[in-house]
Amino acid sequence: MSVLYKTIVIFFLAFFSLAPAFGNTEDEVALAHKYLWAEVNILKLAPESVSTTCITAIRSIKRQEERMQNESPLVKFDILKTMYLSSIELCYPDIEYICHNDQRKTTQEACQDFFISRNGSHTVR
């Protein structure tokens, strides 16, 4: 996959796919959404390092949201929470790789903020 294609896909996904489906009424979905959004912000800094697995996981959220337009909020909550958490874990190896190998100041600052918010320290898990 070309770098330009990955960049376009990541920006598209960040803009359209990661908005909460039904507001911030469910804390767990909001928190999972926050972590996934933080990951996407790092992925945008080095799109050439983003795996197909990660892109596919994030894309699946958008497709599922479109399929669930008529579902109850509780069903949406359960499905989206699971999908957000799955995408976070599937994209995490890309985050680790980017944070260890991209020494640009903006990337390192984003990684530091991400790891502090995720596990309270400056280090990868």
C-alpha atoms as a PDB file:
ATOM      1  CA  MET A   1       0.000   0.000   0.000  1.00  0.00           C
ATOM      2  CA  SER A   2       1.437   3.373  -0.928  1.00  0.00           C
ATOM      3  CA  VAL A   3       2.175   6.058   1.656  1.00  0.00           C
ATOM      4  CA  LEU A   4      -0.199   8.483  -0.069  1.00  0.00           C
ATOM      5  CA  TYR A   5      -3.000   5.932   0.019  1.00  0.00           C
ATOM      6  CA  LYS A   6      -2.397   5.205   3.718  1.00  0.00           C
ATOM      7  CA  THR A   7      -2.362   8.926   4.508  1.00  0.00           C
ATOM      8  CA  ILE A   8      -5.667   9.460   2.722  1.00  0.00           C
ATOM      9  CA  VAL A   9      -7.240   6.461   4.430  1.00  0.00           C
ATOM     10  CA  ILE A  10      -6.082   7.532   7.894  1.00  0.00           C
ATOM     11  CA  PHE A  11      -7.355  11.086   7.479  1.00  0.00           C
ATOM     12  CA  PHE A  12     -10.656   9.790   6.098  1.00  0.00           C
ATOM     13  CA  LEU A  13     -11.047   7.387   8.990  1.00  0.00           C
ATOM     14  CA  ALA A  14     -10.097   9.982  11.564  1.00  0.00           C
ATOM     15  CA  PHE A  15     -12.659  12.406  10.232  1.00  0.00           C
ATOM     16  CA  PHE A  16     -15.591  10.092   9.551  1.00  0.00           C
ATOM     17  CA  SER A  17     -15.199   6.846  11.461  1.00  0.00           C
ATOM     18  CA  LEU A  18     -14.201   7.842  14.928  1.00  0.00           C
ATOM     19  CA  ALA A  19     -17.028  10.118  15.963  1.00  0.00           C
ATOM     20  CA  PRO A  20     -19.055   8.616  18.793  1.00  0.00           C
ATOM     21  CA  ALA A  21     -22.133   6.979  17.315  1.00  0.00           C
ATOM     22  CA  PHE A  22     -24.608   8.282  19.855  1.00  0.00           C
ATOM     23  CA  GLY A  23     -22.975  10.862  22.081  1.00  0.00           C
ATOM     24  CA  ASN A  24     -20.889  10.583  25.235  1.00  0.00           C
ATOM     25  CA  THR A  25     -23.589   9.032  27.412  1.00  0.00           C
ATOM     26  CA  GLU A  26     -21.618   5.819  27.920  1.00  0.00           C
ATOM     27  CA  ASP A  27     -18.313   6.392  29.702  1.00  0.00           C
ATOM     28  CA  GLU A  28     -16.708   3.189  28.504  1.00  0.00           C
ATOM     29  CA  VAL A  29     -17.377   3.912  24.836  1.00  0.00           C
ATOM     30  CA  ALA A  30     -16.175   7.479  25.295  1.00  0.00           C
ATOM     31  CA  LEU A  31     -12.939   6.286  26.910  1.00  0.00           C
ATOM     32  CA  ALA A  32     -12.317   3.662  24.230  1.00  0.00           C
ATOM     33  CA  HIS A  33     -13.041   6.288  21.583  1.00  0.00           C
ATOM     34  CA  LYS A  34     -10.545   8.653  23.258  1.00  0.00           C
ATOM     35  CA  TYR A  35      -7.768   6.032  23.197  1.00  0.00           C
ATOM     36  CA  LEU A  36      -8.481   5.079  19.603  1.00  0.00           C
ATOM     37  CA  TRP A  37      -8.464   8.745  18.567  1.00  0.00           C
ATOM     38  CA  ALA A  38      -5.105   9.207  20.340  1.00  0.00           C
ATOM     39  CA  GLU A  39      -3.729   6.252  18.386  1.00  0.00           C
ATOM     40  CA  VAL A  40      -5.022   7.671  15.098  1.00  0.00           C
ATOM     41  CA  ASN A  41      -3.262  10.961  15.850  1.00  0.00           C
ATOM     42  CA  ILE A  42       0.048   9.095  16.108  1.00  0.00           C
ATOM     43  CA  LEU A  43      -0.696   6.947  13.055  1.00  0.00           C
ATOM     44  CA  LYS A  44      -1.243  10.117  11.011  1.00  0.00           C
ATOM     45  CA  LEU A  45       2.318  11.193  11.820  1.00  0.00           C
ATOM     46  CA  ALA A  46       3.822   8.128  10.110  1.00  0.00           C
ATOM     47  CA  PRO A  47       1.257   6.663   7.705  1.00  0.00           C
ATOM     48  CA  GLU A  48       3.921   4.616   5.963  1.00  0.00           C
ATOM     49  CA  SER A  49       4.245   2.550   9.151  1.00  0.00           C
ATOM     50  CA  VAL A  50       0.560   1.716   9.516  1.00  0.00           C
ATOM     51  CA  SER A  51      -0.302  -1.924   8.953  1.00  0.00           C
ATOM     52  CA  THR A  52      -3.107  -3.176   6.790  1.00  0.00           C
ATOM     53  CA  THR A  53      -4.492  -4.921   9.877  1.00  0.00           C
ATOM     54  CA  CYS A  54      -4.853  -1.613  11.690  1.00  0.00           C
ATOM     55  CA  ILE A  55      -6.443   0.159   8.728  1.00  0.00           C
ATOM     56  CA  THR A  56      -8.889  -2.718   8.237  1.00  0.00           C
ATOM     57  CA  ALA A  57      -9.872  -2.662  11.919  1.00  0.00           C
ATOM     58  CA  ILE A  58     -10.602   1.062  11.863  1.00  0.00           C
ATOM     59  CA  ARG A  59     -12.467   0.811   8.558  1.00  0.00           C
ATOM     60  CA  SER A  60     -14.688  -1.904   9.993  1.00  0.00           C
ATOM     61  CA  ILE A  61     -15.956   0.578  12.599  1.00  0.00           C
ATOM     62  CA  LYS A  62     -17.279   2.871   9.884  1.00  0.00           C
ATOM     63  CA  ARG A  63     -18.957  -0.008   8.049  1.00  0.00           C
ATOM     64  CA  GLN A  64     -20.531  -1.291  11.249  1.00  0.00           C
ATOM     65  CA  GLU A  65     -21.806   2.157  12.219  1.00  0.00           C
ATOM     66  CA  GLU A  66     -23.558   2.396   8.855  1.00  0.00           C
ATOM     67  CA  ARG A  67     -25.185  -1.026   9.384  1.00  0.00           C
ATOM     68  CA  MET A  68     -26.407  -0.133  12.885  1.00  0.00           C
ATOM     69  CA  GLN A  69     -28.298   3.056  12.120  1.00  0.00           C
ATOM     70  CA  ASN A  70     -31.606   1.519  13.207  1.00  0.00           C
ATOM     71  CA  GLU A  71     -30.292  -0.389  16.227  1.00  0.00           C
ATOM     72  CA  SER A  72     -31.003   0.552  19.818  1.00  0.00           C
ATOM     73  CA  PRO A  73     -28.402   2.587  21.706  1.00  0.00           C
ATOM     74  CA  LEU A  74     -27.640  -0.391  23.947  1.00  0.00           C
ATOM     75  CA  VAL A  75     -26.824  -2.624  20.984  1.00  0.00           C
ATOM     76  CA  LYS A  76     -24.674   0.122  19.459  1.00  0.00           C
ATOM     77  CA  PHE A  77     -22.896   0.585  22.787  1.00  0.00           C
ATOM     78  CA  ASP A  78     -21.960  -3.083  23.101  1.00  0.00           C
ATOM     79  CA  ILE A  79     -20.833  -3.514  19.516  1.00  0.00           C
ATOM     80  CA  LEU A  80     -18.902  -0.251  19.246  1.00  0.00           C
ATOM     81  CA  LYS A  81     -17.168  -0.732  22.581  1.00  0.00           C
ATOM     82  CA  THR A  82     -15.952  -4.129  21.417  1.00  0.00           C
ATOM     83  CA  MET A  83     -14.867  -2.787  18.044  1.00  0.00           C
ATOM     84  CA  TYR A  84     -13.064   0.222  19.530  1.00  0.00           C
ATOM     85  CA  LEU A  85     -11.179  -1.969  21.995  1.00  0.00           C
ATOM     86  CA  SER A  86     -10.284  -4.460  19.276  1.00  0.00           C
ATOM     87  CA  SER A  87      -9.003  -1.697  16.998  1.00  0.00           C
ATOM     88  CA  ILE A  88      -6.951  -0.211  19.828  1.00  0.00           C
ATOM     89  CA  GLU A  89      -5.217  -3.539  20.379  1.00  0.00           C
ATOM     90  CA  LEU A  90      -4.742  -4.269  16.678  1.00  0.00           C
ATOM     91  CA  CYS A  91      -3.184  -0.841  16.056  1.00  0.00           C
ATOM     92  CA  TYR A  92      -1.033  -0.830  19.190  1.00  0.00           C
ATOM     93  CA  PRO A  93       1.954  -2.625  17.579  1.00  0.00           C
ATOM     94  CA  ASP A  94       2.037   0.125  14.939  1.00  0.00           C
ATOM     95  CA  ILE A  95       2.028   2.737  17.699  1.00  0.00           C
ATOM     96  CA  GLU A  96       4.920   1.003  19.442  1.00  0.00           C
ATOM     97  CA  TYR A  97       6.882   0.816  16.201  1.00  0.00           C
ATOM     98  CA  ILE A  98       6.270   4.466  15.323  1.00  0.00           C
ATOM     99  CA  CYS A  99       7.100   5.683  18.825  1.00  0.00           C
ATOM    100  CA  HIS A 100      10.335   3.688  18.966  1.00  0.00           C
ATOM    101  CA  ASN A 101      11.535   4.475  15.451  1.00  0.00           C
ATOM    102  CA  ASP A 102      10.310   7.962  14.531  1.00  0.00           C
ATOM    103  CA  GLN A 103      12.531  10.398  16.379  1.00  0.00           C
ATOM    104  CA  ARG A 104      10.875  13.590  15.160  1.00  0.00           C
ATOM    105  CA  LYS A 105       9.979  15.902  18.021  1.00  0.00           C
ATOM    106  CA  THR A 106       6.267  16.051  17.145  1.00  0.00           C
ATOM    107  CA  THR A 107       6.038  12.270  17.075  1.00  0.00           C
ATOM    108  CA  GLN A 108       7.882  11.839  20.358  1.00  0.00           C
ATOM    109  CA  GLU A 109       5.661  14.434  22.056  1.00  0.00           C
ATOM    110  CA  ALA A 110       2.511  12.726  20.763  1.00  0.00           C
ATOM    111  CA  CYS A 111       3.825   9.356  21.908  1.00  0.00           C
ATOM    112  CA  GLN A 112       4.733  10.675  25.336  1.00  0.00           C
ATOM    113  CA  ASP A 113       1.244  12.146  25.777  1.00  0.00           C
ATOM    114  CA  PHE A 114      -0.331   8.918  24.547  1.00  0.00           C
ATOM    115  CA  PHE A 115       1.601   6.645  26.907  1.00  0.00           C
ATOM    116  CA  ILE A 116       1.040   8.914  29.891  1.00  0.00           C
ATOM    117  CA  SER A 117      -2.706   8.935  29.258  1.00  0.00           C
ATOM    118  CA  ARG A 118      -2.802   5.184  28.600  1.00  0.00           C
ATOM    119  CA  ASN A 119      -0.720   3.792  31.438  1.00  0.00           C
ATOM    120  CA  GLY A 120       0.560   6.677  33.527  1.00  0.00           C
ATOM    121  CA  SER A 121       4.180   6.508  32.386  1.00  0.00           C
ATOM    122  CA  HIS A 122       6.397   7.602  29.529  1.00  0.00           C
ATOM    123  CA  THR A 123       7.128   4.062  28.435  1.00  0.00           C
ATOM    124  CA  VAL A 124       5.544   1.524  26.166  1.00  0.00           C
ATOM    125  CA  ARG A 125       3.572  -1.075  28.110  1.00  0.00           C
END
